[in-house]
Amino acid sequence: MSFIRTYTKPKVFAAAVLGSLVVGALLGVVARSTEAKWLTSLLDQIGSIFTTLLQIAVIPLVFTAIVVGINSLRGLGGGRTAARLGGKTVLWFAITSFIASLIGIAIGRIFNPGSGGLGGTAATAKNAAKAAKSVDHWGSWDAFVNGLLPQNFVKAFSEGETLQVLFLALVIGAAAYSLGDKAKPFVDFTTSVFEIIQRYLGWIVRLAPIGIIGLIGAAVSNYGDALFRPLFSTTLAVYVGCLLVLFVVYPILLRFVAKVSPLKFFAKAGTAIQFAFASQSSSATLPLTRQSAVNLGVQPAYAAFATPLGSATKMDGCAAVFPAIAAIFVANLSGVSLNFWQYAGIVVVAVVGALATAGTTGWLTAFTLTTSFIGLDAKQVAIGLALIYSVNPIMDMMRTATNVAGQIAVPVIVARGEGLLDDEVLNAPTTPPQHSDDGAAARTASPSPA
């Protein structure tokens, strides 16, 4: 037990994550240089198992968190208060997405990824096939709109349609809110399920360093530097763009709008951001995201609403910075010079297409919607996507960390404006959220009877 307590301390866990990146890369190099297919297969299997264990919880987590979050607003006032908070939250989501997309375009123009060609480098057949299927499935607004409404309740859950489950959660959560005491047994049951899922995730989170070894090791073993080197400028551009949002945009907004010290923010949100980097999943990070917002003084009832909504729709890394840079990358591969209106289209998709990022394929849907909206050739998009797949695990770490930081920062900003930020809690020393979170935040935020 003492080992587990030590291991889950933020500094120790962060060191384990960084160490796993190095170990994974070294094992990948060994597997590739010695042509040890068994080691490559083992690493791939470890990464796949870790990813699957996380994704098992995504659908029930999204549904229960949204339903519980909506009903937690009852403690803050009536329906008008809930509507105002929801509106301001979404507005700030859009504002930060707008800024992040502009940064993505600027960084893309500076780095100009893909302009020098790829020196004859080609994507693997597996990634090419995956990309072609992805573009066909996600590459249009019609597909997005048609995929929003579920054919039936059970199918949305059984087929893992995150966007449809999000839609159902919003509708059912609002219906339960309107029913008051009549829906209390349902809300209590949903809250209990949410706590169970958080406990499950707390166990899986501890496996993150092992999962990273598998994910990074398999990527290095399968691709080596054959694709990493030509795509280095694209990967670096994504990291620089995300870092600017993470360490420049958010701190400025926190300092001058929320009146919160950026150092204090990162001290209390660091654990969630670290795990987001390791897990590459905003949904799996949600329990830590939520508790980080509470530790920063956000009233638990509002945090219970804003952070689940953000985990599904607030993706500055995946849906703003990355699509802008990736679109420029594909345009350069195609020999196309983007005009002003195409750049404007990138910004529009980042702001109004946030819902498209719900779920585990958020980066993919944002990318394909952006490139199709600005009129890039579908075949060139598929080629670019196939190449990006090879370095996606590396990119996704930084994208997800940026996503989660924004999902914590926006509730802090809105809470300050609404008088829902407790400065006593904000300034008090608090223990960072632990990876064994048992759902205490959910109980604190549970709605009282109407």
Protein backbone atom coordinates (compact mmCIF):
# COMPACT_ATOMS: atom_id res chain seq x y z
CA MET A 1 0.00 0.00 0.00
CA SER A 2 2.85 2.40 0.80
CA PHE A 3 4.27 1.79 -2.69
CA ILE A 4 0.92 2.65 -4.29
CA ARG A 5 0.59 5.83 -2.24
CA THR A 6 4.11 6.87 -3.22
CA TYR A 7 3.61 5.92 -6.88
CA THR A 8 0.41 7.98 -7.24
CA LYS A 9 1.99 11.16 -5.88
CA PRO A 10 2.03 13.74 -8.71
CA LYS A 11 5.82 14.17 -8.85
CA VAL A 12 6.51 10.45 -8.74
CA PHE A 13 3.86 9.70 -11.34
CA ALA A 14 5.19 12.46 -13.62
CA ALA A 15 8.68 10.98 -13.38
CA ALA A 16 7.26 7.53 -14.20
CA VAL A 17 5.51 8.93 -17.28
CA LEU A 18 8.68 10.64 -18.55
CA GLY A 19 10.69 7.51 -17.87
CA SER A 20 8.18 5.37 -19.77
CA LEU A 21 8.61 7.59 -22.84
CA VAL A 22 12.34 6.91 -22.84
CA VAL A 23 11.97 3.17 -22.11
CA GLY A 24 9.32 2.82 -24.82
CA ALA A 25 11.50 4.55 -27.41
CA LEU A 26 14.53 2.42 -26.49
CA LEU A 27 12.54 -0.82 -26.71
CA GLY A 28 11.17 0.31 -30.06
CA VAL A 29 14.69 0.95 -31.35
CA VAL A 30 15.81 -2.49 -30.11
CA ALA A 31 12.82 -4.21 -31.72
CA ARG A 32 13.42 -2.44 -35.04
CA SER A 33 17.20 -2.85 -35.17
CA THR A 34 17.10 -6.55 -34.24
CA GLU A 35 13.95 -7.23 -36.30
CA ALA A 36 12.42 -8.82 -33.20
CA LYS A 37 8.84 -9.15 -34.41
CA TRP A 38 7.78 -10.75 -31.13
CA LEU A 39 8.86 -7.62 -29.25
CA THR A 40 7.06 -5.33 -31.70
CA SER A 41 3.93 -7.45 -31.34
CA LEU A 42 4.20 -7.41 -27.54
CA LEU A 43 4.59 -3.62 -27.43
CA ASP A 44 1.67 -3.15 -29.79
CA GLN A 45 -0.46 -5.47 -27.68
CA ILE A 46 0.41 -3.63 -24.45
CA GLY A 47 -0.52 -0.29 -26.00
CA SER A 48 -3.76 -1.66 -27.44
CA ILE A 49 -4.82 -3.21 -24.11
CA PHE A 50 -4.20 0.05 -22.25
CA THR A 51 -6.14 2.06 -24.83
CA THR A 52 -9.02 -0.42 -24.76
CA LEU A 53 -9.21 -0.35 -20.96
CA LEU A 54 -9.53 3.43 -21.09
CA GLN A 55 -12.08 3.48 -23.90
CA ILE A 56 -14.34 0.98 -22.12
CA ALA A 57 -15.25 3.78 -19.72
CA VAL A 58 -15.67 6.61 -22.24
CA ILE A 59 -19.31 6.08 -23.27
CA PRO A 60 -20.79 5.55 -19.78
CA LEU A 61 -18.54 8.32 -18.41
CA VAL A 62 -19.75 10.88 -20.96
CA PHE A 63 -23.41 10.03 -20.36
CA THR A 64 -23.36 9.93 -16.56
CA ALA A 65 -21.09 12.98 -16.19
CA ILE A 66 -23.29 15.16 -18.41
CA VAL A 67 -26.54 14.06 -16.73
CA VAL A 68 -25.12 14.57 -13.24
CA GLY A 69 -23.52 17.85 -14.28
CA ILE A 70 -26.73 19.35 -15.65
CA ASN A 71 -28.69 18.41 -12.56
CA SER A 72 -25.98 19.76 -10.26
CA LEU A 73 -26.87 23.24 -11.55
CA ARG A 74 -30.07 23.06 -9.50
CA GLY A 75 -28.05 24.12 -6.47
CA LEU A 76 -27.00 27.34 -8.23
CA GLY A 77 -30.45 28.70 -8.99
CA GLY A 78 -33.30 28.20 -11.44
CA GLY A 79 -33.45 27.42 -15.13
CA ARG A 80 -32.39 30.93 -16.15
CA THR A 81 -29.23 30.66 -14.10
CA ALA A 82 -28.43 27.29 -15.65
CA ALA A 83 -29.04 28.68 -19.16
CA ARG A 84 -26.85 31.71 -18.50
CA LEU A 85 -24.00 29.58 -17.15
CA GLY A 86 -24.28 27.19 -20.06
CA GLY A 87 -24.30 30.05 -22.56
CA LYS A 88 -21.26 31.77 -21.04
CA THR A 89 -19.37 28.48 -20.88
CA VAL A 90 -19.99 27.74 -24.56
CA LEU A 91 -19.12 31.34 -25.48
CA TRP A 92 -15.73 31.07 -23.78
CA PHE A 93 -15.19 27.70 -25.45
CA ALA A 94 -15.70 29.48 -28.79
CA ILE A 95 -13.47 32.46 -27.89
CA THR A 96 -10.52 30.28 -26.89
CA SER A 97 -11.03 28.05 -29.95
CA PHE A 98 -10.93 31.16 -32.15
CA ILE A 99 -7.64 32.28 -30.60
CA ALA A 100 -6.13 28.79 -30.78
CA SER A 101 -7.04 28.40 -34.45
CA LEU A 102 -5.37 31.72 -35.30
CA ILE A 103 -2.24 30.53 -33.49
CA GLY A 104 -2.39 27.26 -35.42
CA ILE A 105 -2.56 29.15 -38.72
CA ALA A 106 0.31 31.46 -37.75
CA ILE A 107 2.54 28.58 -36.66
CA GLY A 108 1.59 26.62 -39.77
CA ARG A 109 2.61 29.55 -41.96
CA ILE A 110 5.92 29.90 -40.13
CA PHE A 111 6.87 26.21 -40.16
CA ASN A 112 5.23 25.55 -43.55
CA PRO A 113 5.11 21.75 -43.00
CA GLY A 114 5.20 19.59 -46.10
CA SER A 115 6.59 22.37 -48.31
CA GLY A 116 9.88 20.57 -48.86
CA GLY A 117 8.18 17.32 -49.85
CA LEU A 118 8.64 14.00 -48.18
CA GLY A 119 11.59 12.73 -50.18
CA GLY A 120 9.66 9.82 -51.64
CA THR A 121 8.42 8.70 -48.23
CA ALA A 122 5.10 6.86 -48.41
CA ALA A 123 2.63 5.82 -45.78
CA THR A 124 2.20 2.18 -44.90
CA ALA A 125 -0.54 0.28 -46.71
CA LYS A 126 -2.35 -0.21 -43.39
CA ASN A 127 -2.41 3.51 -42.65
CA ALA A 128 -3.37 4.38 -46.23
CA ALA A 129 -6.38 2.07 -46.03
CA LYS A 130 -7.34 3.45 -42.62
CA ALA A 131 -7.08 7.02 -43.88
CA ALA A 132 -9.21 6.36 -46.96
CA LYS A 133 -11.93 4.82 -44.80
CA SER A 134 -11.74 7.69 -42.30
CA VAL A 135 -12.08 10.38 -44.96
CA ASP A 136 -15.04 8.57 -46.49
CA HIS A 137 -16.76 8.23 -43.10
CA TRP A 138 -15.96 11.58 -41.46
CA GLY A 139 -15.07 13.92 -44.26
CA SER A 140 -18.33 15.83 -44.70
CA TRP A 141 -20.72 17.96 -42.71
CA ASP A 142 -23.57 15.70 -43.88
CA ALA A 143 -21.89 12.76 -42.15
CA PHE A 144 -21.47 14.84 -39.01
CA VAL A 145 -25.09 16.01 -38.91
CA ASN A 146 -26.47 12.58 -39.76
CA GLY A 147 -24.32 11.05 -37.06
CA LEU A 148 -25.63 13.43 -34.42
CA LEU A 149 -29.10 11.91 -34.00
CA PRO A 150 -29.24 8.29 -32.85
CA GLN A 151 -31.61 5.84 -34.51
CA ASN A 152 -32.37 4.41 -31.08
CA PHE A 153 -31.10 4.70 -27.53
CA VAL A 154 -29.49 1.25 -27.28
CA LYS A 155 -27.68 1.43 -30.63
CA ALA A 156 -25.93 4.68 -29.70
CA PHE A 157 -24.40 3.00 -26.65
CA SER A 158 -23.72 -0.43 -28.15
CA GLU A 159 -21.90 1.01 -31.18
CA GLY A 160 -19.92 3.52 -29.14
CA GLU A 161 -21.27 6.62 -30.90
CA THR A 162 -19.94 9.25 -28.51
CA LEU A 163 -21.56 12.18 -30.29
CA GLN A 164 -24.97 10.53 -30.16
CA VAL A 165 -24.52 9.62 -26.50
CA LEU A 166 -23.58 13.24 -25.78
CA PHE A 167 -26.79 14.41 -27.48
CA LEU A 168 -28.87 11.91 -25.48
CA ALA A 169 -27.16 12.92 -22.24
CA LEU A 170 -27.94 16.60 -22.83
CA VAL A 171 -31.61 15.87 -23.59
CA ILE A 172 -32.12 13.36 -20.77
CA GLY A 173 -30.18 15.53 -18.29
CA ALA A 174 -32.36 18.53 -19.15
CA ALA A 175 -35.52 16.41 -18.84
CA ALA A 176 -34.44 15.12 -15.42
CA TYR A 177 -33.66 18.69 -14.34
CA SER A 178 -37.15 19.83 -15.33
CA LEU A 179 -38.82 16.99 -13.39
CA GLY A 180 -37.22 17.89 -10.07
CA ASP A 181 -37.99 15.44 -7.24
CA LYS A 182 -39.67 12.98 -9.60
CA ALA A 183 -36.32 12.32 -11.28
CA LYS A 184 -34.27 12.22 -8.08
CA PRO A 185 -33.99 8.38 -7.95
CA PHE A 186 -32.70 8.37 -11.53
CA VAL A 187 -30.20 11.15 -10.84
CA ASP A 188 -29.00 9.40 -7.65
CA PHE A 189 -28.53 6.15 -9.57
CA THR A 190 -26.65 7.94 -12.37
CA THR A 191 -24.42 9.64 -9.80
CA SER A 192 -23.57 6.26 -8.26
CA VAL A 193 -22.69 4.85 -11.69
CA PHE A 194 -20.52 7.88 -12.32
CA GLU A 195 -18.63 7.28 -9.06
CA ILE A 196 -18.11 3.62 -9.98
CA ILE A 197 -16.65 4.62 -13.34
CA GLN A 198 -14.32 7.08 -11.63
CA ARG A 199 -13.07 4.35 -9.31
CA TYR A 200 -12.47 2.07 -12.31
CA LEU A 201 -10.53 4.81 -14.10
CA GLY A 202 -8.51 5.43 -10.96
CA TRP A 203 -7.27 1.86 -11.19
CA ILE A 204 -6.52 2.03 -14.93
CA VAL A 205 -4.73 5.36 -14.62
CA ARG A 206 -2.02 3.70 -12.55
CA LEU A 207 -1.13 1.61 -15.61
CA ALA A 208 -0.39 4.68 -17.75
CA PRO A 209 3.43 4.35 -17.75
CA ILE A 210 3.14 0.72 -18.89
CA GLY A 211 0.66 1.73 -21.59
CA ILE A 212 2.96 4.51 -22.82
CA ILE A 213 5.86 2.05 -23.13
CA GLY A 214 3.68 -0.04 -25.44
CA LEU A 215 2.30 2.88 -27.48
CA ILE A 216 5.63 4.64 -28.03
CA GLY A 217 7.60 1.42 -28.43
CA ALA A 218 5.23 0.09 -31.11
CA ALA A 219 5.31 3.40 -33.02
CA VAL A 220 9.12 3.53 -33.04
CA SER A 221 9.43 -0.15 -33.93
CA ASN A 222 6.95 0.05 -36.79
CA TYR A 223 8.13 3.32 -38.33
CA GLY A 224 11.57 4.14 -36.97
CA ASP A 225 12.71 7.50 -38.31
CA ALA A 226 11.53 6.78 -41.86
CA LEU A 227 8.45 8.88 -41.24
CA PHE A 228 9.38 10.74 -38.06
CA ARG A 229 12.15 12.66 -39.80
CA PRO A 230 10.09 13.97 -42.78
CA LEU A 231 7.15 14.73 -40.48
CA PHE A 232 9.29 16.34 -37.80
CA SER A 233 8.33 19.89 -38.83
CA THR A 234 4.64 19.02 -38.68
CA THR A 235 4.97 17.44 -35.25
CA LEU A 236 7.12 20.29 -33.98
CA ALA A 237 4.63 22.85 -35.30
CA VAL A 238 1.78 21.14 -33.42
CA TYR A 239 3.84 21.14 -30.21
CA VAL A 240 4.82 24.80 -30.56
CA GLY A 241 1.24 25.85 -31.32
CA CYS A 242 -0.16 23.90 -28.37
CA LEU A 243 2.54 25.17 -26.03
CA LEU A 244 1.71 28.76 -26.98
CA VAL A 245 -1.96 28.16 -26.15
CA LEU A 246 -1.07 26.30 -22.97
CA PHE A 247 1.56 28.67 -21.58
CA VAL A 248 0.68 32.03 -23.17
CA VAL A 249 -3.04 32.25 -24.03
CA TYR A 250 -4.46 30.51 -20.96
CA PRO A 251 -2.15 32.32 -18.48
CA ILE A 252 -3.07 35.72 -19.98
CA LEU A 253 -6.80 34.97 -19.72
CA LEU A 254 -6.39 33.60 -16.21
CA ARG A 255 -4.35 36.56 -15.02
CA PHE A 256 -6.36 39.41 -16.56
CA VAL A 257 -9.89 37.96 -16.84
CA ALA A 258 -10.14 35.47 -13.98
CA LYS A 259 -7.64 37.26 -11.71
CA VAL A 260 -5.97 33.92 -10.98
CA SER A 261 -2.22 33.37 -10.80
CA PRO A 262 -1.07 31.14 -13.69
CA LEU A 263 1.46 29.53 -11.35
CA LYS A 264 -1.31 28.60 -8.94
CA PHE A 265 -3.39 27.29 -11.84
CA PHE A 266 -0.65 24.97 -13.10
CA ALA A 267 0.22 23.88 -9.57
CA LYS A 268 -3.35 22.68 -9.01
CA ALA A 269 -4.12 21.52 -12.56
CA GLY A 270 -0.75 19.91 -13.24
CA THR A 271 -1.76 16.37 -12.34
CA ALA A 272 -4.72 16.38 -14.73
CA ILE A 273 -2.61 17.87 -17.54
CA GLN A 274 0.13 15.28 -16.96
CA PHE A 275 -2.31 12.40 -17.11
CA ALA A 276 -3.95 13.84 -20.23
CA PHE A 277 -0.51 13.85 -21.85
CA ALA A 278 0.05 10.24 -20.82
CA SER A 279 -3.40 8.81 -21.59
CA GLN A 280 -4.21 10.84 -24.74
CA SER A 281 -7.83 10.91 -23.57
CA SER A 282 -9.79 13.91 -22.30
CA SER A 283 -12.66 11.65 -21.25
CA ALA A 284 -10.44 9.37 -19.19
CA THR A 285 -8.94 12.44 -17.51
CA LEU A 286 -12.36 13.86 -16.57
CA PRO A 287 -12.32 12.90 -12.85
CA LEU A 288 -8.99 14.68 -12.43
CA THR A 289 -10.14 17.62 -14.57
CA ARG A 290 -13.23 18.06 -12.47
CA GLN A 291 -11.42 17.92 -9.13
CA SER A 292 -8.73 20.31 -10.38
CA ALA A 293 -11.41 22.89 -11.18
CA VAL A 294 -12.86 22.46 -7.68
CA ASN A 295 -9.41 22.84 -6.13
CA LEU A 296 -9.05 26.10 -8.04
CA GLY A 297 -12.12 27.44 -6.27
CA VAL A 298 -14.81 26.70 -8.86
CA GLN A 299 -18.07 25.87 -7.10
CA PRO A 300 -18.48 22.06 -7.29
CA ALA A 301 -21.98 22.26 -8.77
CA TYR A 302 -20.78 24.34 -11.72
CA ALA A 303 -17.58 22.29 -12.12
CA ALA A 304 -19.75 19.16 -12.32
CA PHE A 305 -21.50 20.69 -15.34
CA ALA A 306 -18.73 22.55 -17.16
CA THR A 307 -15.91 19.98 -17.10
CA PRO A 308 -17.91 17.05 -18.58
CA LEU A 309 -19.22 19.35 -21.30
CA GLY A 310 -15.68 20.53 -21.94
CA SER A 311 -14.27 17.00 -22.08
CA ALA A 312 -16.57 16.30 -25.03
CA THR A 313 -16.51 19.62 -26.87
CA LYS A 314 -13.61 21.81 -25.68
CA MET A 315 -10.61 20.71 -27.74
CA ASP A 316 -8.21 23.57 -28.51
CA GLY A 317 -5.40 21.13 -29.27
CA CYS A 318 -7.35 18.64 -31.38
CA ALA A 319 -9.92 20.92 -33.00
CA ALA A 320 -8.15 24.28 -33.38
CA VAL A 321 -4.34 24.17 -33.40
CA PHE A 322 -3.92 20.77 -35.03
CA PRO A 323 -6.45 21.04 -37.91
CA ALA A 324 -5.00 24.41 -38.94
CA ILE A 325 -1.46 23.05 -39.13
CA ALA A 326 -2.56 19.76 -40.71
CA ALA A 327 -4.60 21.58 -43.39
CA ILE A 328 -1.52 23.64 -44.32
CA PHE A 329 0.51 20.41 -44.40
CA VAL A 330 -1.94 18.76 -46.83
CA ALA A 331 -2.16 21.91 -48.96
CA ASN A 332 1.63 22.00 -49.27
CA LEU A 333 1.73 18.32 -50.24
CA SER A 334 -0.86 19.09 -52.91
CA GLY A 335 0.97 22.16 -54.19
CA VAL A 336 -1.99 24.36 -53.25
CA SER A 337 -1.66 27.87 -51.84
CA LEU A 338 -4.45 28.59 -49.40
CA ASN A 339 -6.23 31.91 -49.81
CA PHE A 340 -7.70 34.23 -47.20
CA TRP A 341 -11.15 32.66 -47.33
CA GLN A 342 -9.75 29.17 -46.85
CA TYR A 343 -7.89 30.34 -43.75
CA ALA A 344 -11.13 31.93 -42.58
CA GLY A 345 -12.82 28.57 -43.15
CA ILE A 346 -10.31 26.89 -40.85
CA VAL A 347 -11.26 29.34 -38.10
CA VAL A 348 -14.99 28.85 -38.70
CA VAL A 349 -14.72 25.08 -38.36
CA ALA A 350 -12.67 25.44 -35.16
CA VAL A 351 -15.31 27.71 -33.60
CA VAL A 352 -18.61 26.18 -34.73
CA GLY A 353 -17.52 22.59 -35.27
CA ALA A 354 -16.41 21.86 -31.71
CA LEU A 355 -19.08 19.18 -31.27
CA ALA A 356 -17.38 17.18 -34.02
CA THR A 357 -14.50 16.53 -31.65
CA ALA A 358 -16.55 14.45 -29.24
CA GLY A 359 -15.09 11.04 -28.55
CA THR A 360 -11.88 9.20 -29.28
CA THR A 361 -11.65 10.30 -32.93
CA GLY A 362 -11.94 14.01 -32.18
CA TRP A 363 -8.69 14.96 -33.92
CA LEU A 364 -9.71 12.90 -36.96
CA THR A 365 -13.16 14.41 -37.40
CA ALA A 366 -11.82 17.93 -36.86
CA PHE A 367 -9.10 17.32 -39.45
CA THR A 368 -11.37 15.84 -42.12
CA LEU A 369 -14.14 18.41 -41.59
CA THR A 370 -11.62 21.25 -41.86
CA THR A 371 -9.93 19.98 -45.02
CA SER A 372 -13.25 19.20 -46.73
CA PHE A 373 -14.75 22.58 -45.73
CA ILE A 374 -11.89 24.51 -47.35
CA GLY A 375 -12.04 22.36 -50.48
CA LEU A 376 -8.84 20.30 -50.39
CA ASP A 377 -8.77 17.24 -52.65
CA ALA A 378 -10.04 14.12 -50.86
CA LYS A 379 -7.23 11.94 -52.24
CA GLN A 380 -4.57 14.35 -51.00
CA VAL A 381 -6.33 14.55 -47.64
CA ALA A 382 -6.21 10.75 -47.40
CA ILE A 383 -2.48 10.74 -48.22
CA GLY A 384 -1.77 13.39 -45.60
CA LEU A 385 -3.89 11.61 -43.03
CA ALA A 386 -2.13 8.30 -43.69
CA LEU A 387 1.22 9.97 -43.02
CA ILE A 388 -0.06 11.73 -39.88
CA TYR A 389 -1.30 8.41 -38.49
CA SER A 390 2.32 7.29 -38.10
CA VAL A 391 3.19 10.13 -35.71
CA ASN A 392 -0.27 10.62 -34.23
CA PRO A 393 0.56 9.09 -30.81
CA ILE A 394 3.34 11.67 -30.41
CA MET A 395 1.11 14.56 -31.50
CA ASP A 396 -1.87 13.41 -29.49
CA MET A 397 -0.06 13.65 -26.19
CA MET A 398 0.46 17.41 -26.55
CA ARG A 399 -2.95 17.99 -28.13
CA THR A 400 -4.76 16.26 -25.27
CA ALA A 401 -2.77 18.05 -22.58
CA THR A 402 -3.79 21.36 -24.20
CA ASN A 403 -7.41 20.22 -24.42
CA VAL A 404 -7.59 19.41 -20.72
CA ALA A 405 -5.88 22.63 -19.64
CA GLY A 406 -8.58 24.55 -21.52
CA GLN A 407 -11.31 22.41 -19.99
CA ILE A 408 -10.10 23.55 -16.56
CA ALA A 409 -9.27 27.16 -17.46
CA VAL A 410 -12.66 28.08 -18.97
CA PRO A 411 -14.73 27.07 -15.89
CA VAL A 412 -12.34 29.15 -13.76
CA ILE A 413 -12.84 32.17 -16.05
CA VAL A 414 -16.64 31.82 -16.13
CA ALA A 415 -16.84 31.15 -12.39
CA ARG A 416 -14.97 34.38 -11.67
CA GLY A 417 -17.39 36.38 -13.79
CA GLU A 418 -20.41 34.74 -12.15
CA GLY A 419 -19.18 35.06 -8.58
CA LEU A 420 -18.81 31.29 -8.29
CA LEU A 421 -15.07 31.26 -7.58
CA ASP A 422 -14.13 30.74 -3.95
CA ASP A 423 -10.89 32.65 -3.35
CA GLU A 424 -10.41 30.95 0.01
CA VAL A 425 -10.30 27.54 -1.69
CA LEU A 426 -8.25 28.96 -4.55
CA ASN A 427 -5.56 30.32 -2.25
CA ALA A 428 -5.56 27.44 0.21
CA PRO A 429 -2.97 24.69 -0.26
CA THR A 430 -4.75 21.66 -1.64
CA THR A 431 -3.55 18.18 -2.39
CA PRO A 432 -3.54 17.59 -6.16
CA PRO A 433 -6.30 15.20 -7.31
CA GLN A 434 -5.13 11.64 -6.84
CA HIS A 435 -5.29 8.92 -9.45
CA SER A 436 -7.38 6.88 -7.04
CA ASP A 437 -10.22 9.43 -7.09
CA ASP A 438 -13.25 7.81 -5.49
CA GLY A 439 -15.87 10.23 -6.75
CA ALA A 440 -15.88 12.59 -3.81
CA ALA A 441 -16.30 15.56 -6.13
CA ALA A 442 -19.41 14.03 -7.60
CA ARG A 443 -20.97 13.57 -4.19
CA THR A 444 -20.11 17.14 -3.23
CA ALA A 445 -21.76 18.41 -6.39
CA SER A 446 -24.85 16.18 -6.21
CA PRO A 447 -28.02 18.24 -6.67
CA SER A 448 -30.28 18.93 -3.76
CA PRO A 449 -34.01 18.30 -4.16
CA ALA A 450 -35.98 21.08 -5.75
